[in-house]
Amino acid sequence: MNVTIRQLKVLESVARLNSFTRAAELLNVTQSAVSRQVRQLEEQLGENLLERRHHHLELTSAGRVLLRPLHQSFAQIQLTGRSIQQNYPAKP
């Protein structure tokens, strides 16, 4: 299994925005690239992560289990990045 941070970020964006198209716009990629990333992640995990229903997306149980710790991890990464920027300013 070769899950990437990119795939996880794409899934998180799709779930948060409830849209492949809006996630693509946010991430500055095509909608087909977003769909491909989610599909590859689902194939690697062997589970459907999203249920697609008439213009509505819903996380499956597996999707919810995956995203719960991701939100915390992404928040911690952002905090760490800000801490580094504040404590170690870029040199001219």
C-alpha atoms as a PDB file:
ATOM      1  CA  MET A   1       0.000   0.000   0.000  1.00  0.00           C
ATOM      2  CA  ASN A   2       1.340   3.400  -0.995  1.00  0.00           C
ATOM      3  CA  VAL A   3      -1.074   6.019   0.377  1.00  0.00           C
ATOM      4  CA  THR A   4       0.144   9.582  -0.156  1.00  0.00           C
ATOM      5  CA  ILE A   5      -0.412  12.773   1.809  1.00  0.00           C
ATOM      6  CA  ARG A   6      -1.757  14.267  -1.416  1.00  0.00           C
ATOM      7  CA  GLN A   7      -4.470  11.603  -1.664  1.00  0.00           C
ATOM      8  CA  LEU A   8      -5.441  12.187   1.951  1.00  0.00           C
ATOM      9  CA  LYS A   9      -5.575  15.967   1.464  1.00  0.00           C
ATOM     10  CA  VAL A  10      -7.733  15.530  -1.637  1.00  0.00           C
ATOM     11  CA  LEU A  11     -10.144  13.238   0.221  1.00  0.00           C
ATOM     12  CA  GLU A  12     -10.325  15.659   3.140  1.00  0.00           C
ATOM     13  CA  SER A  13     -11.104  18.544   0.769  1.00  0.00           C
ATOM     14  CA  VAL A  14     -13.804  16.596  -1.084  1.00  0.00           C
ATOM     15  CA  ALA A  15     -15.438  15.555   2.194  1.00  0.00           C
ATOM     16  CA  ARG A  16     -15.254  19.041   3.715  1.00  0.00           C
ATOM     17  CA  LEU A  17     -16.601  20.788   0.617  1.00  0.00           C
ATOM     18  CA  ASN A  18     -18.995  17.960  -0.304  1.00  0.00           C
ATOM     19  CA  SER A  19     -17.890  18.360  -3.906  1.00  0.00           C
ATOM     20  CA  PHE A  20     -15.245  17.012  -6.255  1.00  0.00           C
ATOM     21  CA  THR A  21     -15.514  20.189  -8.342  1.00  0.00           C
ATOM     22  CA  ARG A  22     -15.069  22.621  -5.438  1.00  0.00           C
ATOM     23  CA  ALA A  23     -12.192  20.533  -4.078  1.00  0.00           C
ATOM     24  CA  ALA A  24     -10.538  20.690  -7.496  1.00  0.00           C
ATOM     25  CA  GLU A  25     -10.917  24.480  -7.565  1.00  0.00           C
ATOM     26  CA  LEU A  26      -9.496  24.807  -4.046  1.00  0.00           C
ATOM     27  CA  LEU A  27      -6.539  22.552  -4.832  1.00  0.00           C
ATOM     28  CA  ASN A  28      -6.009  24.137  -8.262  1.00  0.00           C
ATOM     29  CA  VAL A  29      -6.297  20.854 -10.155  1.00  0.00           C
ATOM     30  CA  THR A  30      -8.869  19.350 -12.504  1.00  0.00           C
ATOM     31  CA  GLN A  31     -11.967  17.559 -11.275  1.00  0.00           C
ATOM     32  CA  SER A  32     -10.751  14.405 -12.996  1.00  0.00           C
ATOM     33  CA  ALA A  33      -7.465  14.594 -11.043  1.00  0.00           C
ATOM     34  CA  VAL A  34      -9.431  14.778  -7.791  1.00  0.00           C
ATOM     35  CA  SER A  35     -11.602  11.831  -8.812  1.00  0.00           C
ATOM     36  CA  ARG A  36      -8.512   9.838  -9.772  1.00  0.00           C
ATOM     37  CA  GLN A  37      -6.800  10.523  -6.427  1.00  0.00           C
ATOM     38  CA  VAL A  38      -9.866   9.436  -4.442  1.00  0.00           C
ATOM     39  CA  ARG A  39     -10.362   6.343  -6.605  1.00  0.00           C
ATOM     40  CA  GLN A  40      -6.691   5.335  -6.203  1.00  0.00           C
ATOM     41  CA  LEU A  41      -6.902   5.817  -2.437  1.00  0.00           C
ATOM     42  CA  GLU A  42     -10.037   3.689  -2.279  1.00  0.00           C
ATOM     43  CA  GLU A  43      -8.360   0.976  -4.368  1.00  0.00           C
ATOM     44  CA  GLN A  44      -5.261   0.997  -2.171  1.00  0.00           C
ATOM     45  CA  LEU A  45      -7.330   0.705   1.001  1.00  0.00           C
ATOM     46  CA  GLY A  46      -9.794  -1.758  -0.503  1.00  0.00           C
ATOM     47  CA  GLU A  47     -12.727   0.276   0.786  1.00  0.00           C
ATOM     48  CA  ASN A  48     -15.170   2.827  -0.581  1.00  0.00           C
ATOM     49  CA  LEU A  49     -14.598   6.057   1.314  1.00  0.00           C
ATOM     50  CA  LEU A  50     -17.393   8.126  -0.225  1.00  0.00           C
ATOM     51  CA  GLU A  51     -20.925   7.314  -1.264  1.00  0.00           C
ATOM     52  CA  ARG A  52     -21.896   9.255  -4.338  1.00  0.00           C
ATOM     53  CA  ARG A  53     -25.620   9.997  -4.579  1.00  0.00           C
ATOM     54  CA  HIS A  54     -27.357  12.391  -6.959  1.00  0.00           C
ATOM     55  CA  HIS A  55     -25.192  15.484  -6.422  1.00  0.00           C
ATOM     56  CA  HIS A  56     -24.511  14.542  -2.814  1.00  0.00           C
ATOM     57  CA  LEU A  57     -21.472  12.942  -1.216  1.00  0.00           C
ATOM     58  CA  GLU A  58     -21.387  11.166   2.089  1.00  0.00           C
ATOM     59  CA  LEU A  59     -18.469   9.583   3.899  1.00  0.00           C
ATOM     60  CA  THR A  60     -18.759   5.855   4.426  1.00  0.00           C
ATOM     61  CA  SER A  61     -17.904   4.354   7.802  1.00  0.00           C
ATOM     62  CA  ALA A  62     -14.384   3.663   6.512  1.00  0.00           C
ATOM     63  CA  GLY A  63     -14.108   7.261   5.305  1.00  0.00           C
ATOM     64  CA  ARG A  64     -15.094   8.601   8.716  1.00  0.00           C
ATOM     65  CA  VAL A  65     -12.575   6.324  10.451  1.00  0.00           C
ATOM     66  CA  LEU A  66      -9.845   7.565   8.101  1.00  0.00           C
ATOM     67  CA  LEU A  67     -10.670  11.277   8.328  1.00  0.00           C
ATOM     68  CA  ARG A  68     -11.060  11.555  12.089  1.00  0.00           C
ATOM     69  CA  PRO A  69      -7.304  11.377  12.849  1.00  0.00           C
ATOM     70  CA  LEU A  70      -6.443  13.211   9.624  1.00  0.00           C
ATOM     71  CA  HIS A  71      -8.108  16.406  10.811  1.00  0.00           C
ATOM     72  CA  GLN A  72      -6.010  16.321  13.961  1.00  0.00           C
ATOM     73  CA  SER A  73      -2.828  15.510  12.042  1.00  0.00           C
ATOM     74  CA  PHE A  74      -3.338  18.299   9.495  1.00  0.00           C
ATOM     75  CA  ALA A  75      -4.053  20.800  12.290  1.00  0.00           C
ATOM     76  CA  GLN A  76      -0.884  19.732  14.137  1.00  0.00           C
ATOM     77  CA  ILE A  77       1.200  20.080  10.964  1.00  0.00           C
ATOM     78  CA  GLN A  78      -0.110  23.626  10.452  1.00  0.00           C
ATOM     79  CA  LEU A  79       0.657  24.559  14.067  1.00  0.00           C
ATOM     80  CA  THR A  80       4.150  23.132  13.763  1.00  0.00           C
ATOM     81  CA  GLY A  81       4.755  25.055  10.541  1.00  0.00           C
ATOM     82  CA  ARG A  82       3.654  28.334  12.147  1.00  0.00           C
ATOM     83  CA  SER A  83       5.863  27.640  15.157  1.00  0.00           C
ATOM     84  CA  ILE A  84       8.876  27.084  12.922  1.00  0.00           C
ATOM     85  CA  GLN A  85       8.175  30.287  10.978  1.00  0.00           C
ATOM     86  CA  GLN A  86       7.862  32.295  14.193  1.00  0.00           C
ATOM     87  CA  ASN A  87      10.906  30.819  15.922  1.00  0.00           C
ATOM     88  CA  TYR A  88      13.205  30.489  12.935  1.00  0.00           C
ATOM     89  CA  PRO A  89      12.629  33.440  10.606  1.00  0.00           C
ATOM     90  CA  ALA A  90      13.974  33.149   7.087  1.00  0.00           C
ATOM     91  CA  LYS A  91      17.456  34.544   6.607  1.00  0.00           C
ATOM     92  CA  PRO A  92      17.900  37.341   4.070  1.00  0.00           C
END
